[in-house]
Amino acid sequence: MIESSHKRLIFAVCVAQFFMPFMMSGVNAVLPPLGEELGASARELSLVGTFYSLGLVVFQLPAGSLGDIWGRRRVFMCGVAIFAVSCGALGSVSSMPLFLGLRFLQGVGGALFNASGLALLASASTPDKRAIYLGFSTTTVYAGVACGPPVAGFIAEVFGWRWLFWGNAAAMAAALLLMKLSVKLEWRTAKGQPFDFRGCTLYALAMTALTFGASTLAFHPESASFLILLFVFLLFAFVLCELKTFHPLLDVRFLVQHRVFALSSLAAFINYSSIFGMIFFFSLFLQTGHGLDTRQAGLFLAVQPLAQLLTTPLAARLCLIWDAGKLSAVGVALCGLGLLAAAFLDLSSPIWNLAVAQCLLGCGTSFFSMPNTTIILESAGKEHLGQASGLTGAVRNAGQLFNMVVVTITLSLLLGHESVSGQNFGVFLNCMKIDLIIFGVLNLLAVGCALVRNKTSDRRA
């Protein structure tokens, strides 16, 4: 049984974590009316998601360390407050530059409460219930992804796009109030420890270069390539800095020495980098190839997050009776098979073959993500729990950016600057096939990471 105080904690964390992916996927559905009212160019609209992702990417890792030093509950509430205030302001602005700045601030808030929320759930739970606690969180995230486009589209159509942000602000304010009034416990494992500002600065600069490099590669390949090379240089400098710092933002030595932690993080990076861009490919396949309209394609694409949502509780239960490492290996293998199955689709393939591939991806993601996250947090121990929570989010966002780079390079090489149409759809299918094979094989290789990790864990046991 879950304690009543923990139920309130779980509910507050899950409300907040629902709206982080919801505001990533949902805002895309309201971009046309938003852009029309604010007089935004196509380039400015493309930056709406970029600035939100930037806030998430830059502050995920620091948020974990801040939670250890200042208190995870305190950092969580700070992040929720920032998210709520920025949501309210986003619904009221009339300037596109201000809107982009607030989207960045919203991402910062999301990073703070996401990383500290995971750490709160891991801190509050006993080892035998940790998978269940994290299962609630994972289910909520997938629900946010699935609900984003249809709910946001409905709100924009009936009430106007501004109510999407105002409604979010009210919901986040409720989550903040619940945490403030009903959760009195605080978890703080590094009180008085100095914050690694130098490492944080290098990390922030590196992730900023990667974010803008990945998002502009299709439009400005020369400057984007420079930014990606700058990211590599800054990342190297960050690692050197962390090796010399007594209280690092990321304990690189711990990452290298603890193979279970390192291999689990690597498997997570591979999985996130492989499945992030699938909505892009599948959406064009359905709309341009099979002639579905936007609403029909959106409903069809809901199969994958729905499969994730339905199977995540099962994955949490299986973790209690089966080895979490083996379950995550099965999950990442299913993702690989789903990607390879989708790679060989063409216009003669029945459309329901894509639904089968989506079900494999959805089930595989739920069987992999939650058990793998549980392993990462448990292997980190109490001393590194905050860092592990922040690294989990950072790995997810870095994987998504890596996916953007690979997909953009493939499309640029084969399609150039042409938009996808019926005339060049065969070339687009080749791009999709190449990328899905690459990502499918990577996922199958990640099975090796999981199996080697399990053997390492067995030897230590």
Protein backbone atom coordinates (compact mmCIF):
# COMPACT_ATOMS: atom_id res chain seq x y z
CA MET A 1 0.00 0.00 0.00
CA ILE A 2 1.12 3.57 -0.73
CA GLU A 3 1.13 6.00 2.21
CA SER A 4 -1.45 8.80 2.04
CA SER A 5 1.25 11.51 2.15
CA HIS A 6 3.04 9.78 -0.71
CA LYS A 7 -0.18 9.67 -2.72
CA ARG A 8 -0.34 13.47 -2.56
CA LEU A 9 3.33 13.68 -3.51
CA ILE A 10 2.83 11.35 -6.48
CA PHE A 11 -0.25 13.28 -7.60
CA ALA A 12 1.53 16.65 -7.45
CA VAL A 13 4.57 15.33 -9.33
CA CYS A 14 2.42 13.60 -11.95
CA VAL A 15 0.29 16.71 -12.60
CA ALA A 16 3.44 18.72 -13.24
CA GLN A 17 5.10 16.04 -15.36
CA PHE A 18 1.96 15.64 -17.48
CA PHE A 19 2.15 19.25 -18.64
CA MET A 20 5.86 19.27 -19.55
CA PRO A 21 5.44 17.01 -22.66
CA PHE A 22 1.89 18.30 -23.15
CA MET A 23 3.23 21.80 -23.73
CA MET A 24 5.84 20.45 -26.12
CA SER A 25 3.48 18.46 -28.35
CA GLY A 26 0.34 20.52 -27.77
CA VAL A 27 1.72 23.90 -28.76
CA ASN A 28 2.52 22.55 -32.23
CA ALA A 29 -1.22 22.16 -32.80
CA VAL A 30 -1.91 25.87 -32.19
CA LEU A 31 1.00 27.34 -34.15
CA PRO A 32 -1.11 28.47 -37.16
CA PRO A 33 -3.57 30.68 -35.19
CA LEU A 34 -0.81 31.75 -32.81
CA GLY A 35 1.44 32.84 -35.67
CA GLU A 36 -1.38 34.64 -37.43
CA GLU A 37 -2.36 36.67 -34.36
CA LEU A 38 1.22 37.54 -33.37
CA GLY A 39 2.36 38.18 -36.93
CA ALA A 40 5.09 35.56 -36.71
CA SER A 41 7.17 34.40 -39.65
CA ALA A 42 7.67 30.73 -40.46
CA ARG A 43 11.19 30.98 -39.04
CA GLU A 44 9.90 32.43 -35.75
CA LEU A 45 7.29 29.69 -35.47
CA SER A 46 9.98 27.05 -35.95
CA LEU A 47 11.80 28.55 -32.95
CA VAL A 48 8.83 28.11 -30.61
CA GLY A 49 9.76 24.49 -29.95
CA THR A 50 13.50 25.20 -30.12
CA PHE A 51 13.46 27.75 -27.28
CA TYR A 52 11.34 25.45 -25.10
CA SER A 53 13.73 22.56 -25.77
CA LEU A 54 16.68 24.83 -25.00
CA GLY A 55 15.35 25.60 -21.53
CA LEU A 56 14.83 21.90 -20.89
CA VAL A 57 18.22 20.82 -22.25
CA VAL A 58 20.30 23.46 -20.47
CA PHE A 59 18.76 23.06 -17.00
CA GLN A 60 17.97 19.33 -16.71
CA LEU A 61 21.40 18.35 -15.40
CA PRO A 62 21.90 21.40 -13.12
CA ALA A 63 18.41 20.85 -11.68
CA GLY A 64 19.44 17.49 -10.24
CA SER A 65 22.46 18.97 -8.49
CA LEU A 66 20.45 21.96 -7.24
CA GLY A 67 17.93 19.57 -5.71
CA ASP A 68 20.68 17.80 -3.75
CA ILE A 69 22.01 21.12 -2.42
CA TRP A 70 18.89 23.25 -1.83
CA GLY A 71 16.26 20.53 -1.41
CA ARG A 72 14.37 18.54 -4.02
CA ARG A 73 10.93 19.67 -2.86
CA ARG A 74 12.06 23.30 -2.92
CA VAL A 75 13.53 23.06 -6.43
CA PHE A 76 10.40 21.24 -7.61
CA MET A 77 8.13 24.02 -6.33
CA CYS A 78 10.42 26.67 -7.82
CA GLY A 79 10.21 24.96 -11.21
CA VAL A 80 6.42 24.62 -11.04
CA ALA A 81 6.10 28.30 -10.09
CA ILE A 82 8.29 29.39 -13.02
CA PHE A 83 6.31 27.16 -15.37
CA ALA A 84 2.95 28.49 -14.11
CA VAL A 85 3.94 32.17 -14.30
CA SER A 86 5.44 31.79 -17.77
CA CYS A 87 2.28 29.96 -18.94
CA GLY A 88 0.10 32.80 -17.72
CA ALA A 89 2.33 35.35 -19.40
CA LEU A 90 2.47 33.39 -22.67
CA GLY A 91 -1.30 33.62 -22.93
CA SER A 92 -1.17 37.39 -22.64
CA VAL A 93 1.73 38.51 -24.87
CA SER A 94 1.40 40.28 -28.19
CA SER A 95 5.09 40.25 -29.18
CA MET A 96 6.76 37.25 -30.81
CA PRO A 97 10.27 37.93 -29.38
CA LEU A 98 8.77 38.11 -25.88
CA PHE A 99 6.83 34.92 -26.59
CA LEU A 100 10.07 33.09 -27.50
CA GLY A 101 11.79 34.35 -24.35
CA LEU A 102 8.92 33.13 -22.21
CA ARG A 103 9.01 29.74 -23.95
CA PHE A 104 12.64 29.43 -22.88
CA LEU A 105 11.67 30.36 -19.32
CA GLN A 106 8.88 27.78 -19.44
CA GLY A 107 11.43 25.14 -20.46
CA VAL A 108 13.64 26.14 -17.51
CA GLY A 109 10.74 25.58 -15.14
CA GLY A 110 9.97 22.25 -16.76
CA ALA A 111 13.59 21.11 -16.37
CA LEU A 112 13.63 22.05 -12.67
CA PHE A 113 10.48 20.19 -11.69
CA ASN A 114 11.07 17.22 -14.01
CA ALA A 115 14.53 16.36 -12.65
CA SER A 116 13.61 17.06 -9.02
CA GLY A 117 10.27 15.27 -9.42
CA LEU A 118 11.98 12.03 -10.41
CA ALA A 119 14.38 12.39 -7.48
CA LEU A 120 11.46 13.05 -5.10
CA LEU A 121 9.68 9.86 -6.16
CA ALA A 122 12.88 7.82 -5.88
CA SER A 123 13.64 9.35 -2.46
CA ALA A 124 10.16 8.76 -1.04
CA SER A 125 9.79 5.17 -2.23
CA THR A 126 11.27 2.04 -0.74
CA PRO A 127 13.25 -0.17 -3.14
CA ASP A 128 10.39 -2.65 -3.51
CA LYS A 129 7.95 0.14 -4.53
CA ARG A 130 10.26 2.34 -6.59
CA ALA A 131 9.20 0.83 -9.91
CA ILE A 132 5.54 1.50 -9.07
CA TYR A 133 6.23 5.13 -8.10
CA LEU A 134 8.25 5.74 -11.26
CA GLY A 135 5.60 3.88 -13.26
CA PHE A 136 3.05 6.54 -12.31
CA SER A 137 5.45 9.22 -13.54
CA THR A 138 6.21 7.45 -16.82
CA THR A 139 2.53 6.83 -17.53
CA THR A 140 1.80 10.49 -16.92
CA VAL A 141 4.51 11.63 -19.34
CA TYR A 142 3.17 9.41 -22.12
CA ALA A 143 -0.36 10.63 -21.40
CA GLY A 144 0.89 14.19 -21.83
CA VAL A 145 2.47 13.34 -25.19
CA ALA A 146 -0.71 11.62 -26.39
CA CYS A 147 -3.14 14.28 -25.16
CA GLY A 148 -1.14 17.29 -26.35
CA PRO A 149 -2.20 17.67 -30.01
CA PRO A 150 -5.90 16.70 -29.78
CA VAL A 151 -6.63 18.55 -26.50
CA ALA A 152 -4.69 21.64 -27.52
CA GLY A 153 -6.40 21.67 -30.92
CA PHE A 154 -9.83 21.43 -29.28
CA ILE A 155 -9.06 24.24 -26.81
CA ALA A 156 -7.75 26.49 -29.57
CA GLU A 157 -10.78 25.83 -31.77
CA VAL A 158 -13.41 26.37 -29.05
CA PHE A 159 -11.85 28.96 -26.71
CA GLY A 160 -8.80 30.32 -28.54
CA TRP A 161 -5.11 29.42 -28.34
CA ARG A 162 -4.43 31.71 -25.38
CA TRP A 163 -6.60 29.52 -23.13
CA LEU A 164 -4.18 26.65 -23.69
CA PHE A 165 -1.58 28.60 -21.69
CA TRP A 166 -3.99 30.05 -19.14
CA GLY A 167 -5.43 26.60 -18.41
CA ASN A 168 -1.92 25.23 -17.95
CA ALA A 169 -1.10 28.05 -15.55
CA ALA A 170 -4.14 27.20 -13.40
CA ALA A 171 -3.31 23.48 -13.33
CA MET A 172 0.33 24.11 -12.39
CA ALA A 173 -0.74 26.54 -9.66
CA ALA A 174 -2.92 23.75 -8.23
CA ALA A 175 0.04 21.33 -8.28
CA LEU A 176 2.20 23.93 -6.51
CA LEU A 177 -0.45 24.48 -3.84
CA LEU A 178 -0.85 20.73 -3.29
CA MET A 179 2.89 20.24 -2.84
CA LYS A 180 3.16 23.26 -0.55
CA LEU A 181 0.27 22.31 1.76
CA SER A 182 0.30 18.53 1.84
CA VAL A 183 3.93 17.44 1.39
CA LYS A 184 6.06 18.55 4.32
CA LEU A 185 9.06 16.27 3.92
CA GLU A 186 12.23 17.58 2.30
CA TRP A 187 15.08 15.55 0.80
CA ARG A 188 18.47 17.25 0.77
CA THR A 189 21.61 15.12 0.56
CA ALA A 190 24.31 17.74 -0.17
CA LYS A 191 23.41 20.62 2.16
CA GLY A 192 26.12 23.27 2.23
CA GLN A 193 27.92 21.85 -0.80
CA PRO A 194 28.99 24.51 -3.34
CA PHE A 195 27.29 24.55 -6.72
CA ASP A 196 29.52 23.95 -9.74
CA PHE A 197 28.91 27.23 -11.59
CA ARG A 198 31.90 26.81 -13.92
CA GLY A 199 30.78 23.35 -15.01
CA CYS A 200 27.21 24.57 -15.34
CA THR A 201 28.31 27.42 -17.63
CA LEU A 202 30.30 25.11 -19.90
CA TYR A 203 27.43 22.62 -20.01
CA ALA A 204 24.90 25.36 -20.80
CA LEU A 205 27.05 26.73 -23.63
CA ALA A 206 27.60 23.24 -25.05
CA MET A 207 23.91 22.34 -25.03
CA THR A 208 22.95 25.74 -26.48
CA ALA A 209 25.36 25.16 -29.37
CA LEU A 210 23.93 21.65 -29.92
CA THR A 211 20.30 22.82 -29.75
CA PHE A 212 20.68 25.61 -32.29
CA GLY A 213 23.04 23.55 -34.42
CA ALA A 214 20.54 20.69 -34.64
CA SER A 215 17.54 22.95 -35.25
CA THR A 216 19.19 25.05 -38.00
CA LEU A 217 21.08 22.34 -39.85
CA ALA A 218 18.49 22.16 -42.63
CA PHE A 219 18.39 25.94 -43.20
CA HIS A 220 21.98 27.05 -42.50
CA PRO A 221 24.25 23.99 -42.79
CA GLU A 222 27.53 25.94 -42.57
CA SER A 223 26.77 27.81 -39.35
CA ALA A 224 24.99 24.75 -37.91
CA SER A 225 28.03 22.57 -38.58
CA PHE A 226 30.19 25.12 -36.77
CA LEU A 227 27.81 25.06 -33.79
CA ILE A 228 27.89 21.26 -33.63
CA LEU A 229 31.71 21.28 -33.71
CA LEU A 230 31.63 23.95 -31.00
CA PHE A 231 29.41 21.65 -28.96
CA VAL A 232 31.99 18.84 -29.21
CA PHE A 233 34.77 21.21 -28.06
CA LEU A 234 32.71 22.59 -25.16
CA LEU A 235 31.63 19.10 -24.10
CA PHE A 236 35.29 18.03 -23.96
CA ALA A 237 36.09 21.13 -21.90
CA PHE A 238 33.14 20.34 -19.60
CA VAL A 239 34.41 16.79 -18.97
CA LEU A 240 37.91 18.07 -18.16
CA CYS A 241 36.42 20.65 -15.82
CA GLU A 242 34.32 18.05 -14.01
CA LEU A 243 37.34 15.79 -13.53
CA LYS A 244 39.17 18.62 -11.75
CA THR A 245 36.23 19.85 -9.64
CA PHE A 246 35.80 18.56 -6.09
CA HIS A 247 31.99 18.93 -6.21
CA PRO A 248 31.17 18.45 -9.89
CA LEU A 249 27.85 19.02 -11.62
CA LEU A 250 28.32 15.53 -13.10
CA ASP A 251 30.62 13.05 -11.39
CA VAL A 252 32.39 11.74 -14.51
CA ARG A 253 34.55 9.33 -12.50
CA PHE A 254 31.45 7.75 -11.01
CA LEU A 255 29.95 7.46 -14.50
CA VAL A 256 33.05 5.69 -15.82
CA GLN A 257 33.60 3.42 -12.82
CA HIS A 258 29.99 2.25 -12.42
CA ARG A 259 29.23 0.29 -15.58
CA VAL A 260 25.60 -0.40 -14.67
CA PHE A 261 24.92 3.33 -14.40
CA ALA A 262 26.93 4.18 -17.52
CA LEU A 263 25.52 1.42 -19.75
CA SER A 264 21.95 2.15 -18.65
CA SER A 265 22.44 5.82 -19.54
CA LEU A 266 23.95 4.85 -22.91
CA ALA A 267 21.01 2.54 -23.65
CA ALA A 268 18.61 5.37 -22.77
CA PHE A 269 20.43 7.78 -25.12
CA ILE A 270 20.24 5.27 -27.98
CA ASN A 271 16.55 4.59 -27.41
CA TYR A 272 15.55 8.25 -27.15
CA SER A 273 17.64 9.19 -30.19
CA SER A 274 15.98 6.43 -32.21
CA ILE A 275 12.28 7.02 -31.58
CA PHE A 276 12.06 10.82 -31.35
CA GLY A 277 11.73 11.59 -35.06
CA MET A 278 9.27 8.85 -35.90
CA ILE A 279 6.21 11.12 -35.72
CA PHE A 280 7.78 13.26 -38.45
CA PHE A 281 8.27 10.31 -40.79
CA PHE A 282 4.97 8.62 -40.00
CA SER A 283 2.99 11.86 -40.35
CA LEU A 284 4.33 12.54 -43.84
CA PHE A 285 3.89 8.87 -44.79
CA LEU A 286 0.21 9.04 -43.85
CA GLN A 287 -0.61 12.49 -45.21
CA THR A 288 1.48 12.71 -48.38
CA GLY A 289 1.58 9.00 -49.16
CA HIS A 290 -1.88 7.80 -48.14
CA GLY A 291 -3.80 11.09 -48.44
CA LEU A 292 -5.01 11.34 -44.83
CA ASP A 293 -5.84 14.80 -43.53
CA THR A 294 -4.16 16.27 -40.44
CA ARG A 295 -6.87 15.15 -38.02
CA GLN A 296 -6.98 11.58 -39.38
CA ALA A 297 -3.19 11.29 -39.28
CA GLY A 298 -3.13 12.66 -35.73
CA LEU A 299 -5.64 10.06 -34.57
CA PHE A 300 -3.69 7.28 -36.29
CA LEU A 301 -0.43 8.44 -34.73
CA ALA A 302 -2.04 8.29 -31.28
CA VAL A 303 -1.68 4.49 -31.46
CA GLN A 304 1.92 4.59 -30.24
CA PRO A 305 1.46 6.80 -27.13
CA LEU A 306 -1.77 4.94 -26.36
CA ALA A 307 0.13 1.64 -26.41
CA GLN A 308 2.74 3.21 -24.12
CA LEU A 309 0.07 4.50 -21.77
CA LEU A 310 -1.68 1.13 -21.51
CA THR A 311 1.43 -1.01 -21.06
CA THR A 312 3.40 1.15 -18.60
CA PRO A 313 1.40 -0.04 -15.54
CA LEU A 314 2.06 -3.61 -16.70
CA ALA A 315 5.77 -2.83 -16.97
CA ALA A 316 5.76 -1.49 -13.39
CA ARG A 317 4.12 -4.70 -12.14
CA LEU A 318 6.50 -6.91 -14.12
CA CYS A 319 9.45 -5.16 -12.45
CA LEU A 320 8.22 -6.55 -9.12
CA ILE A 321 8.25 -10.16 -10.29
CA TRP A 322 10.95 -10.14 -12.98
CA ASP A 323 14.41 -8.67 -13.34
CA ALA A 324 14.17 -5.01 -14.43
CA GLY A 325 17.32 -5.32 -16.53
CA LYS A 326 15.91 -8.19 -18.58
CA LEU A 327 12.60 -6.37 -19.00
CA SER A 328 14.35 -3.26 -20.30
CA ALA A 329 16.37 -5.41 -22.72
CA VAL A 330 13.12 -6.86 -24.07
CA GLY A 331 11.72 -3.33 -24.39
CA VAL A 332 14.60 -1.90 -26.38
CA ALA A 333 14.56 -5.00 -28.61
CA LEU A 334 10.85 -4.43 -29.34
CA CYS A 335 11.64 -0.82 -30.26
CA GLY A 336 14.32 -2.00 -32.65
CA LEU A 337 11.96 -4.49 -34.27
CA GLY A 338 9.26 -1.82 -34.59
CA LEU A 339 11.64 0.56 -36.33
CA LEU A 340 12.89 -2.13 -38.72
CA ALA A 341 9.30 -3.18 -39.49
CA ALA A 342 8.41 0.42 -40.36
CA ALA A 343 11.56 0.83 -42.46
CA PHE A 344 10.24 -1.44 -45.20
CA LEU A 345 6.81 0.16 -45.59
CA ASP A 346 5.87 1.54 -48.99
CA LEU A 347 2.70 2.79 -50.66
CA SER A 348 1.61 -0.76 -51.43
CA SER A 349 1.83 -1.75 -47.75
CA PRO A 350 -1.48 -1.92 -45.85
CA ILE A 351 -1.78 1.13 -43.63
CA TRP A 352 -2.38 -1.10 -40.61
CA ASN A 353 1.18 -2.40 -40.90
CA LEU A 354 2.21 1.00 -39.57
CA ALA A 355 -0.17 0.52 -36.64
CA VAL A 356 1.59 -2.77 -35.82
CA ALA A 357 4.97 -1.01 -35.91
CA GLN A 358 3.59 1.71 -33.65
CA CYS A 359 2.31 -0.88 -31.17
CA LEU A 360 5.77 -2.48 -31.07
CA LEU A 361 7.34 0.93 -30.46
CA GLY A 362 4.80 1.85 -27.80
CA CYS A 363 5.09 -1.42 -25.89
CA GLY A 364 8.86 -1.45 -26.29
CA THR A 365 9.22 2.08 -24.98
CA SER A 366 7.16 1.39 -21.86
CA PHE A 367 8.96 -1.90 -21.16
CA PHE A 368 12.32 -0.16 -21.58
CA SER A 369 11.96 3.35 -20.22
CA MET A 370 10.55 2.83 -16.73
CA PRO A 371 12.70 -0.23 -15.76
CA ASN A 372 15.81 1.42 -17.20
CA THR A 373 15.14 4.66 -15.28
CA THR A 374 14.63 2.60 -12.11
CA ILE A 375 18.00 0.91 -12.66
CA ILE A 376 19.74 4.26 -13.25
CA LEU A 377 18.36 5.79 -10.04
CA GLU A 378 19.01 2.70 -7.92
CA SER A 379 22.57 2.24 -9.21
CA ALA A 380 23.38 5.89 -8.48
CA GLY A 381 22.78 5.53 -4.74
CA LYS A 382 21.58 8.30 -2.43
CA GLU A 383 24.72 10.39 -2.88
CA HIS A 384 24.28 10.72 -6.67
CA LEU A 385 20.49 10.48 -6.89
CA GLY A 386 20.00 14.12 -7.86
CA GLN A 387 22.67 13.94 -10.54
CA ALA A 388 21.15 10.72 -11.87
CA SER A 389 17.69 12.32 -12.09
CA GLY A 390 19.09 15.30 -13.96
CA LEU A 391 21.17 13.09 -16.23
CA THR A 392 18.08 11.05 -17.14
CA GLY A 393 16.39 14.15 -18.54
CA ALA A 394 19.58 15.43 -20.14
CA VAL A 395 20.15 12.11 -21.92
CA ARG A 396 16.58 12.14 -23.24
CA ASN A 397 16.93 15.66 -24.65
CA ALA A 398 20.40 15.01 -26.07
CA GLY A 399 19.06 11.90 -27.79
CA GLN A 400 16.25 13.91 -29.36
CA LEU A 401 18.73 16.46 -30.68
CA PHE A 402 20.96 13.71 -32.08
CA ASN A 403 17.92 12.33 -33.90
CA MET A 404 17.26 15.77 -35.41
CA VAL A 405 20.83 15.93 -36.70
CA VAL A 406 20.74 12.46 -38.33
CA VAL A 407 17.32 13.00 -39.92
CA THR A 408 18.26 16.46 -41.20
CA ILE A 409 21.52 15.24 -42.74
CA THR A 410 19.77 12.34 -44.50
CA LEU A 411 17.00 14.54 -45.89
CA SER A 412 19.49 17.21 -46.99
CA LEU A 413 21.65 14.69 -48.84
CA LEU A 414 18.77 13.01 -50.70
CA LEU A 415 16.12 15.73 -50.98
CA GLY A 416 18.14 18.92 -50.73
CA HIS A 417 15.82 21.84 -50.01
CA GLU A 418 12.79 20.32 -51.74
CA SER A 419 9.61 19.88 -49.74
CA VAL A 420 8.09 16.39 -49.64
CA SER A 421 5.44 15.91 -52.34
CA GLY A 422 3.93 13.21 -54.51
CA GLN A 423 6.62 13.78 -57.15
CA ASN A 424 9.57 13.02 -54.84
CA PHE A 425 7.80 10.74 -52.37
CA GLY A 426 9.91 7.77 -53.47
CA VAL A 427 13.05 9.67 -52.44
CA PHE A 428 11.43 10.49 -49.10
CA LEU A 429 10.68 6.79 -48.57
CA ASN A 430 14.38 6.05 -49.16
CA CYS A 431 15.28 8.64 -46.51
CA MET A 432 12.81 7.09 -44.09
CA LYS A 433 14.11 3.60 -44.82
CA ILE A 434 17.76 4.57 -44.27
CA ASP A 435 17.09 6.38 -40.99
CA LEU A 436 14.77 3.73 -39.58
CA ILE A 437 17.29 1.00 -40.37
CA ILE A 438 20.04 3.05 -38.67
CA PHE A 439 17.91 3.65 -35.57
CA GLY A 440 16.55 0.10 -35.54
CA VAL A 441 20.05 -1.41 -35.61
CA LEU A 442 21.17 1.01 -32.88
CA ASN A 443 18.30 -0.17 -30.69
CA LEU A 444 19.24 -3.78 -31.23
CA LEU A 445 22.83 -2.89 -30.29
CA ALA A 446 21.43 -1.27 -27.13
CA VAL A 447 20.20 -4.75 -26.18
CA GLY A 448 23.89 -5.60 -25.87
CA CYS A 449 24.34 -2.69 -23.45
CA ALA A 450 21.49 -4.04 -21.33
CA LEU A 451 22.82 -7.61 -21.33
CA VAL A 452 26.39 -6.58 -20.48
CA ARG A 453 24.98 -4.31 -17.75
CA ASN A 454 23.00 -7.23 -16.30
CA LYS A 455 26.10 -9.44 -16.18
CA THR A 456 28.00 -6.65 -14.43
CA SER A 457 25.20 -6.27 -11.91
CA ASP A 458 25.12 -10.04 -11.30
CA ARG A 459 28.86 -10.15 -10.61
CA ARG A 460 28.56 -7.32 -8.07
CA ALA A 461 25.61 -9.01 -6.40
